[in-house]
Amino acid sequence: MKTALITGASSGIGAAFARELAACQTDLILVARSQDKLQRLAEQLQEKFQIRTEIILQDLTQTGAARSLYDAIAQKDGR
């Protein structure tokens, strides 16, 4: 199965992309600052579409955030 990385996934366009990709049976790595919103979205998408989701809390406006995100994904399983 394919996996997509979605930043800003807790609301707005990021959440909309997550829903569309989940409907296409794409596993998701959801990234944003809000743990509660990300967790709720991940659980909803898993239940409705039977996909795998992972959440990563990251503020991408911070210096070094992109590298930190890359490292977190590589550490999980390299997808």
PDB file of N, CA and C in Angstrom:
ATOM      1  N   MET A   1       0.831  -1.177   0.000  1.00  0.00           N
ATOM      2  CA  MET A   1       0.000   0.000   0.000  1.00  0.00           C
ATOM      3  C   MET A   1       0.880   1.246   0.000  1.00  0.00           C
ATOM      4  N   LYS A   2       0.424   2.288  -0.638  1.00  0.00           N
ATOM      5  CA  LYS A   2       1.151   3.549  -0.685  1.00  0.00           C
ATOM      6  C   LYS A   2       1.007   4.297   0.640  1.00  0.00           C
ATOM      7  N   THR A   3       1.984   5.157   0.912  1.00  0.00           N
ATOM      8  CA  THR A   3       1.955   6.003   2.103  1.00  0.00           C
ATOM      9  C   THR A   3       2.194   7.444   1.683  1.00  0.00           C
ATOM     10  N   ALA A   4       1.401   8.360   2.256  1.00  0.00           N
ATOM     11  CA  ALA A   4       1.562   9.787   1.983  1.00  0.00           C
ATOM     12  C   ALA A   4       1.892  10.516   3.278  1.00  0.00           C
ATOM     13  N   LEU A   5       2.737  11.517   3.158  1.00  0.00           N
ATOM     14  CA  LEU A   5       3.085  12.406   4.264  1.00  0.00           C
ATOM     15  C   LEU A   5       2.297  13.695   4.076  1.00  0.00           C
ATOM     16  N   ILE A   6       1.517  14.063   5.082  1.00  0.00           N
ATOM     17  CA  ILE A   6       0.705  15.274   4.985  1.00  0.00           C
ATOM     18  C   ILE A   6       1.060  16.196   6.145  1.00  0.00           C
ATOM     19  N   THR A   7       1.559  17.374   5.814  1.00  0.00           N
ATOM     20  CA  THR A   7       1.857  18.365   6.834  1.00  0.00           C
ATOM     21  C   THR A   7       0.649  19.292   6.987  1.00  0.00           C
ATOM     22  N   GLY A   8       0.515  19.877   8.147  1.00  0.00           N
ATOM     23  CA  GLY A   8      -0.642  20.725   8.406  1.00  0.00           C
ATOM     24  C   GLY A   8      -1.934  19.927   8.403  1.00  0.00           C
ATOM     25  N   ALA A   9      -1.842  18.673   8.841  1.00  0.00           N
ATOM     26  CA  ALA A   9      -2.953  17.731   8.703  1.00  0.00           C
ATOM     27  C   ALA A   9      -4.061  17.913   9.725  1.00  0.00           C
ATOM     28  N   SER A  10      -3.871  18.742  10.729  1.00  0.00           N
ATOM     29  CA  SER A  10      -4.880  18.827  11.789  1.00  0.00           C
ATOM     30  C   SER A  10      -6.126  19.598  11.386  1.00  0.00           C
ATOM     31  N   SER A  11      -6.059  20.381  10.299  1.00  0.00           N
ATOM     32  CA  SER A  11      -7.235  21.140   9.873  1.00  0.00           C
ATOM     33  C   SER A  11      -7.068  21.615   8.433  1.00  0.00           C
ATOM     34  N   GLY A  12      -8.107  22.236   7.927  1.00  0.00           N
ATOM     35  CA  GLY A  12      -8.054  22.871   6.618  1.00  0.00           C
ATOM     36  C   GLY A  12      -7.696  21.941   5.480  1.00  0.00           C
ATOM     37  N   ILE A  13      -6.873  22.458   4.596  1.00  0.00           N
ATOM     38  CA  ILE A  13      -6.512  21.721   3.385  1.00  0.00           C
ATOM     39  C   ILE A  13      -5.765  20.433   3.706  1.00  0.00           C
ATOM     40  N   GLY A  14      -4.938  20.444   4.760  1.00  0.00           N
ATOM     41  CA  GLY A  14      -4.221  19.234   5.144  1.00  0.00           C
ATOM     42  C   GLY A  14      -5.164  18.120   5.546  1.00  0.00           C
ATOM     43  N   ALA A  15      -6.170  18.432   6.340  1.00  0.00           N
ATOM     44  CA  ALA A  15      -7.159  17.432   6.751  1.00  0.00           C
ATOM     45  C   ALA A  15      -7.972  16.952   5.545  1.00  0.00           C
ATOM     46  N   ALA A  16      -8.284  17.871   4.633  1.00  0.00           N
ATOM     47  CA  ALA A  16      -9.026  17.488   3.426  1.00  0.00           C
ATOM     48  C   ALA A  16      -8.209  16.525   2.565  1.00  0.00           C
ATOM     49  N   PHE A  17      -6.921  16.821   2.398  1.00  0.00           N
ATOM     50  CA  PHE A  17      -6.050  15.902   1.656  1.00  0.00           C
ATOM     51  C   PHE A  17      -5.999  14.540   2.334  1.00  0.00           C
ATOM     52  N   ALA A  18      -5.914  14.542   3.652  1.00  0.00           N
ATOM     53  CA  ALA A  18      -5.862  13.283   4.395  1.00  0.00           C
ATOM     54  C   ALA A  18      -7.110  12.444   4.129  1.00  0.00           C
ATOM     55  N   ARG A  19      -8.270  13.068   4.169  1.00  0.00           N
ATOM     56  CA  ARG A  19      -9.523  12.332   3.926  1.00  0.00           C
ATOM     57  C   ARG A  19      -9.579  11.771   2.505  1.00  0.00           C
ATOM     58  N   GLU A  20      -9.175  12.575   1.540  1.00  0.00           N
ATOM     59  CA  GLU A  20      -9.201  12.119   0.141  1.00  0.00           C
ATOM     60  C   GLU A  20      -8.233  10.956  -0.089  1.00  0.00           C
ATOM     61  N   LEU A  21      -7.041  11.064   0.447  1.00  0.00           N
ATOM     62  CA  LEU A  21      -6.057   9.996   0.268  1.00  0.00           C
ATOM     63  C   LEU A  21      -6.462   8.738   1.016  1.00  0.00           C
ATOM     64  N   ALA A  22      -7.036   8.887   2.191  1.00  0.00           N
ATOM     65  CA  ALA A  22      -7.507   7.727   2.947  1.00  0.00           C
ATOM     66  C   ALA A  22      -8.603   6.999   2.173  1.00  0.00           C
ATOM     67  N   ALA A  23      -9.484   7.753   1.525  1.00  0.00           N
ATOM     68  CA  ALA A  23     -10.547   7.150   0.721  1.00  0.00           C
ATOM     69  C   ALA A  23      -9.977   6.351  -0.449  1.00  0.00           C
ATOM     70  N   CYS A  24      -8.767   6.696  -0.872  1.00  0.00           N
ATOM     71  CA  CYS A  24      -8.081   5.966  -1.956  1.00  0.00           C
ATOM     72  C   CYS A  24      -7.193   4.854  -1.399  1.00  0.00           C
ATOM     73  N   GLN A  25      -7.386   4.515  -0.133  1.00  0.00           N
ATOM     74  CA  GLN A  25      -6.645   3.444   0.533  1.00  0.00           C
ATOM     75  C   GLN A  25      -5.149   3.714   0.609  1.00  0.00           C
ATOM     76  N   THR A  26      -4.792   4.949   0.938  1.00  0.00           N
ATOM     77  CA  THR A  26      -3.405   5.343   1.126  1.00  0.00           C
ATOM     78  C   THR A  26      -3.132   5.463   2.620  1.00  0.00           C
ATOM     79  N   ASP A  27      -2.106   4.778   3.117  1.00  0.00           N
ATOM     80  CA  ASP A  27      -1.683   4.949   4.502  1.00  0.00           C
ATOM     81  C   ASP A  27      -1.149   6.368   4.667  1.00  0.00           C
ATOM     82  N   LEU A  28      -1.225   6.893   5.891  1.00  0.00           N
ATOM     83  CA  LEU A  28      -0.885   8.297   6.096  1.00  0.00           C
ATOM     84  C   LEU A  28       0.057   8.517   7.265  1.00  0.00           C
ATOM     85  N   ILE A  29       0.962   9.467   7.069  1.00  0.00           N
ATOM     86  CA  ILE A  29       1.752  10.030   8.154  1.00  0.00           C
ATOM     87  C   ILE A  29       1.258  11.467   8.276  1.00  0.00           C
ATOM     88  N   LEU A  30       0.630  11.767   9.393  1.00  0.00           N
ATOM     89  CA  LEU A  30       0.005  13.069   9.607  1.00  0.00           C
ATOM     90  C   LEU A  30       0.885  13.917  10.515  1.00  0.00           C
ATOM     91  N   VAL A  31       1.169  15.146  10.075  1.00  0.00           N
ATOM     92  CA  VAL A  31       2.079  16.026  10.808  1.00  0.00           C
ATOM     93  C   VAL A  31       1.384  17.354  11.092  1.00  0.00           C
ATOM     94  N   ALA A  32       1.483  17.795  12.325  1.00  0.00           N
ATOM     95  CA  ALA A  32       0.981  19.112  12.736  1.00  0.00           C
ATOM     96  C   ALA A  32       1.416  19.363  14.171  1.00  0.00           C
ATOM     97  N   ARG A  33       1.001  20.501  14.713  1.00  0.00           N
ATOM     98  CA  ARG A  33       1.355  20.859  16.085  1.00  0.00           C
ATOM     99  C   ARG A  33       0.345  20.355  17.108  1.00  0.00           C
ATOM    100  N   SER A  34      -0.886  20.131  16.694  1.00  0.00           N
ATOM    101  CA  SER A  34      -1.972  19.821  17.626  1.00  0.00           C
ATOM    102  C   SER A  34      -2.189  18.317  17.782  1.00  0.00           C
ATOM    103  N   GLN A  35      -1.746  17.769  18.898  1.00  0.00           N
ATOM    104  CA  GLN A  35      -1.854  16.333  19.118  1.00  0.00           C
ATOM    105  C   GLN A  35      -3.309  15.862  19.158  1.00  0.00           C
ATOM    106  N   ASP A  36      -4.169  16.588  19.859  1.00  0.00           N
ATOM    107  CA  ASP A  36      -5.568  16.167  19.982  1.00  0.00           C
ATOM    108  C   ASP A  36      -6.254  16.082  18.626  1.00  0.00           C
ATOM    109  N   LYS A  37      -6.094  17.114  17.809  1.00  0.00           N
ATOM    110  CA  LYS A  37      -6.724  17.132  16.483  1.00  0.00           C
ATOM    111  C   LYS A  37      -6.163  16.028  15.602  1.00  0.00           C
ATOM    112  N   LEU A  38      -4.854  15.851  15.621  1.00  0.00           N
ATOM    113  CA  LEU A  38      -4.235  14.797  14.808  1.00  0.00           C
ATOM    114  C   LEU A  38      -4.719  13.414  15.234  1.00  0.00           C
ATOM    115  N   GLN A  39      -4.773  13.192  16.535  1.00  0.00           N
ATOM    116  CA  GLN A  39      -5.192  11.892  17.050  1.00  0.00           C
ATOM    117  C   GLN A  39      -6.630  11.583  16.640  1.00  0.00           C
ATOM    118  N   ARG A  40      -7.513  12.570  16.772  1.00  0.00           N
ATOM    119  CA  ARG A  40      -8.915  12.364  16.373  1.00  0.00           C
ATOM    120  C   ARG A  40      -9.027  12.048  14.892  1.00  0.00           C
ATOM    121  N   LEU A  41      -8.329  12.814  14.058  1.00  0.00           N
ATOM    122  CA  LEU A  41      -8.375  12.582  12.619  1.00  0.00           C
ATOM    123  C   LEU A  41      -7.828  11.204  12.284  1.00  0.00           C
ATOM    124  N   ALA A  42      -6.704  10.842  12.869  1.00  0.00           N
ATOM    125  CA  ALA A  42      -6.099   9.530  12.608  1.00  0.00           C
ATOM    126  C   ALA A  42      -7.060   8.404  12.967  1.00  0.00           C
ATOM    127  N   GLU A  43      -7.694   8.506  14.118  1.00  0.00           N
ATOM    128  CA  GLU A  43      -8.636   7.464  14.546  1.00  0.00           C
ATOM    129  C   GLU A  43      -9.842   7.384  13.626  1.00  0.00           C
ATOM    130  N   GLN A  44     -10.369   8.529  13.212  1.00  0.00           N
ATOM    131  CA  GLN A  44     -11.516   8.540  12.295  1.00  0.00           C
ATOM    132  C   GLN A  44     -11.168   7.874  10.968  1.00  0.00           C
ATOM    133  N   LEU A  45     -10.011   8.214  10.432  1.00  0.00           N
ATOM    134  CA  LEU A  45      -9.614   7.671   9.127  1.00  0.00           C
ATOM    135  C   LEU A  45      -9.311   6.180   9.204  1.00  0.00           C
ATOM    136  N   GLN A  46      -8.682   5.748  10.284  1.00  0.00           N
ATOM    137  CA  GLN A  46      -8.410   4.321  10.464  1.00  0.00           C
ATOM    138  C   GLN A  46      -9.711   3.530  10.519  1.00  0.00           C
ATOM    139  N   GLU A  47     -10.656   4.026  11.291  1.00  0.00           N
ATOM    140  CA  GLU A  47     -11.928   3.321  11.462  1.00  0.00           C
ATOM    141  C   GLU A  47     -12.729   3.285  10.163  1.00  0.00           C
ATOM    142  N   LYS A  48     -12.808   4.411   9.490  1.00  0.00           N
ATOM    143  CA  LYS A  48     -13.644   4.500   8.293  1.00  0.00           C
ATOM    144  C   LYS A  48     -13.040   3.792   7.087  1.00  0.00           C
ATOM    145  N   PHE A  49     -11.712   3.877   6.919  1.00  0.00           N
ATOM    146  CA  PHE A  49     -11.079   3.381   5.698  1.00  0.00           C
ATOM    147  C   PHE A  49     -10.136   2.195   5.903  1.00  0.00           C
ATOM    148  N   GLN A  50      -9.970   1.740   7.151  1.00  0.00           N
ATOM    149  CA  GLN A  50      -9.079   0.629   7.467  1.00  0.00           C
ATOM    150  C   GLN A  50      -7.677   0.831   6.882  1.00  0.00           C
ATOM    151  N   ILE A  51      -7.117   1.997   7.149  1.00  0.00           N
ATOM    152  CA  ILE A  51      -5.753   2.313   6.720  1.00  0.00           C
ATOM    153  C   ILE A  51      -4.877   2.443   7.952  1.00  0.00           C
ATOM    154  N   ARG A  52      -3.562   2.498   7.728  1.00  0.00           N
ATOM    155  CA  ARG A  52      -2.619   2.771   8.818  1.00  0.00           C
ATOM    156  C   ARG A  52      -2.350   4.263   8.861  1.00  0.00           C
ATOM    157  N   THR A  53      -2.323   4.805  10.054  1.00  0.00           N
ATOM    158  CA  THR A  53      -1.941   6.205  10.215  1.00  0.00           C
ATOM    159  C   THR A  53      -0.897   6.311  11.317  1.00  0.00           C
ATOM    160  N   GLU A  54      -0.032   7.262  11.155  1.00  0.00           N
ATOM    161  CA  GLU A  54       0.931   7.613  12.190  1.00  0.00           C
ATOM    162  C   GLU A  54       0.851   9.121  12.351  1.00  0.00           C
ATOM    163  N   ILE A  55       1.034   9.594  13.568  1.00  0.00           N
ATOM    164  CA  ILE A  55       1.064  11.034  13.769  1.00  0.00           C
ATOM    165  C   ILE A  55       2.443  11.439  14.281  1.00  0.00           C
ATOM    166  N   ILE A  56       2.855  12.606  13.826  1.00  0.00           N
ATOM    167  CA  ILE A  56       4.115  13.193  14.279  1.00  0.00           C
ATOM    168  C   ILE A  56       3.817  14.637  14.643  1.00  0.00           C
ATOM    169  N   LEU A  57       4.120  14.984  15.871  1.00  0.00           N
ATOM    170  CA  LEU A  57       3.940  16.368  16.319  1.00  0.00           C
ATOM    171  C   LEU A  57       5.175  17.162  15.935  1.00  0.00           C
ATOM    172  N   GLN A  58       4.969  18.193  15.128  1.00  0.00           N
ATOM    173  CA  GLN A  58       6.108  18.986  14.669  1.00  0.00           C
ATOM    174  C   GLN A  58       5.633  20.362  14.244  1.00  0.00           C
ATOM    175  N   ASP A  59       6.287  21.384  14.709  1.00  0.00           N
ATOM    176  CA  ASP A  59       6.052  22.750  14.253  1.00  0.00           C
ATOM    177  C   ASP A  59       7.076  23.028  13.163  1.00  0.00           C
ATOM    178  N   LEU A  60       6.628  23.036  11.935  1.00  0.00           N
ATOM    179  CA  LEU A  60       7.548  23.164  10.811  1.00  0.00           C
ATOM    180  C   LEU A  60       8.087  24.576  10.619  1.00  0.00           C
ATOM    181  N   THR A  61       7.651  25.523  11.446  1.00  0.00           N
ATOM    182  CA  THR A  61       8.221  26.871  11.367  1.00  0.00           C
ATOM    183  C   THR A  61       9.512  26.990  12.177  1.00  0.00           C
ATOM    184  N   GLN A  62       9.806  25.989  12.976  1.00  0.00           N
ATOM    185  CA  GLN A  62      11.002  26.020  13.811  1.00  0.00           C
ATOM    186  C   GLN A  62      12.256  25.650  13.013  1.00  0.00           C
ATOM    187  N   THR A  63      13.365  26.256  13.352  1.00  0.00           N
ATOM    188  CA  THR A  63      14.639  25.951  12.710  1.00  0.00           C
ATOM    189  C   THR A  63      14.962  24.470  12.896  1.00  0.00           C
ATOM    190  N   GLY A  64      15.320  23.811  11.819  1.00  0.00           N
ATOM    191  CA  GLY A  64      15.687  22.399  11.866  1.00  0.00           C
ATOM    192  C   GLY A  64      14.504  21.442  11.866  1.00  0.00           C
ATOM    193  N   ALA A  65      13.294  21.970  11.738  1.00  0.00           N
ATOM    194  CA  ALA A  65      12.102  21.124  11.815  1.00  0.00           C
ATOM    195  C   ALA A  65      12.025  20.116  10.676  1.00  0.00           C
ATOM    196  N   ALA A  66      12.406  20.523   9.487  1.00  0.00           N
ATOM    197  CA  ALA A  66      12.333  19.604   8.342  1.00  0.00           C
ATOM    198  C   ALA A  66      13.264  18.412   8.563  1.00  0.00           C
ATOM    199  N   ARG A  67      14.448  18.670   9.043  1.00  0.00           N
ATOM    200  CA  ARG A  67      15.397  17.589   9.317  1.00  0.00           C
ATOM    201  C   ARG A  67      14.883  16.691  10.441  1.00  0.00           C
ATOM    202  N   SER A  68      14.312  17.301  11.451  1.00  0.00           N
ATOM    203  CA  SER A  68      13.752  16.538  12.560  1.00  0.00           C
ATOM    204  C   SER A  68      12.622  15.632  12.082  1.00  0.00           C
ATOM    205  N   LEU A  69      11.777  16.142  11.197  1.00  0.00           N
ATOM    206  CA  LEU A  69      10.689  15.347  10.636  1.00  0.00           C
ATOM    207  C   LEU A  69      11.247  14.195   9.810  1.00  0.00           C
ATOM    208  N   TYR A  70      12.219  14.486   8.972  1.00  0.00           N
ATOM    209  CA  TYR A  70      12.859  13.445   8.165  1.00  0.00           C
ATOM    210  C   TYR A  70      13.428  12.348   9.065  1.00  0.00           C
ATOM    211  N   ASP A  71      14.134  12.739  10.102  1.00  0.00           N
ATOM    212  CA  ASP A  71      14.738  11.772  11.020  1.00  0.00           C
ATOM    213  C   ASP A  71      13.679  10.928  11.730  1.00  0.00           C
ATOM    214  N   ALA A  72      12.575  11.565  12.136  1.00  0.00           N
ATOM    215  CA  ALA A  72      11.503  10.836  12.817  1.00  0.00           C
ATOM    216  C   ALA A  72      10.892   9.772  11.900  1.00  0.00           C
ATOM    217  N   ILE A  73      10.707  10.113  10.643  1.00  0.00           N
ATOM    218  CA  ILE A  73      10.133   9.146   9.700  1.00  0.00           C
ATOM    219  C   ILE A  73      11.129   8.024   9.422  1.00  0.00           C
ATOM    220  N   ALA A  74      12.366   8.377   9.187  1.00  0.00           N
ATOM    221  CA  ALA A  74      13.389   7.360   8.921  1.00  0.00           C
ATOM    222  C   ALA A  74      13.561   6.419  10.101  1.00  0.00           C
ATOM    223  N   GLN A  75      13.443   6.938  11.299  1.00  0.00           N
ATOM    224  CA  GLN A  75      13.600   6.120  12.505  1.00  0.00           C
ATOM    225  C   GLN A  75      12.446   5.126  12.657  1.00  0.00           C
ATOM    226  N   LYS A  76      11.230   5.528  12.252  1.00  0.00           N
ATOM    227  CA  LYS A  76      10.074   4.650  12.398  1.00  0.00           C
ATOM    228  C   LYS A  76      10.224   3.398  11.537  1.00  0.00           C
ATOM    229  N   ASP A  77      10.382   3.582  10.253  1.00  0.00           N
ATOM    230  CA  ASP A  77      10.583   2.412   9.377  1.00  0.00           C
ATOM    231  C   ASP A  77      11.062   2.782   7.989  1.00  0.00           C
ATOM    232  N   GLY A  78      11.429   4.038   7.807  1.00  0.00           N
ATOM    233  CA  GLY A  78      12.023   4.438   6.546  1.00  0.00           C
ATOM    234  C   GLY A  78      11.055   4.662   5.401  1.00  0.00           C
ATOM    235  N   ARG A  79       9.742   4.620   5.679  1.00  0.00           N
ATOM    236  CA  ARG A  79       8.808   4.802   4.565  1.00  0.00           C
ATOM    237  C   ARG A  79       8.958   6.181   4.042  1.00  0.00           C
TER     238      ARG A  79
END
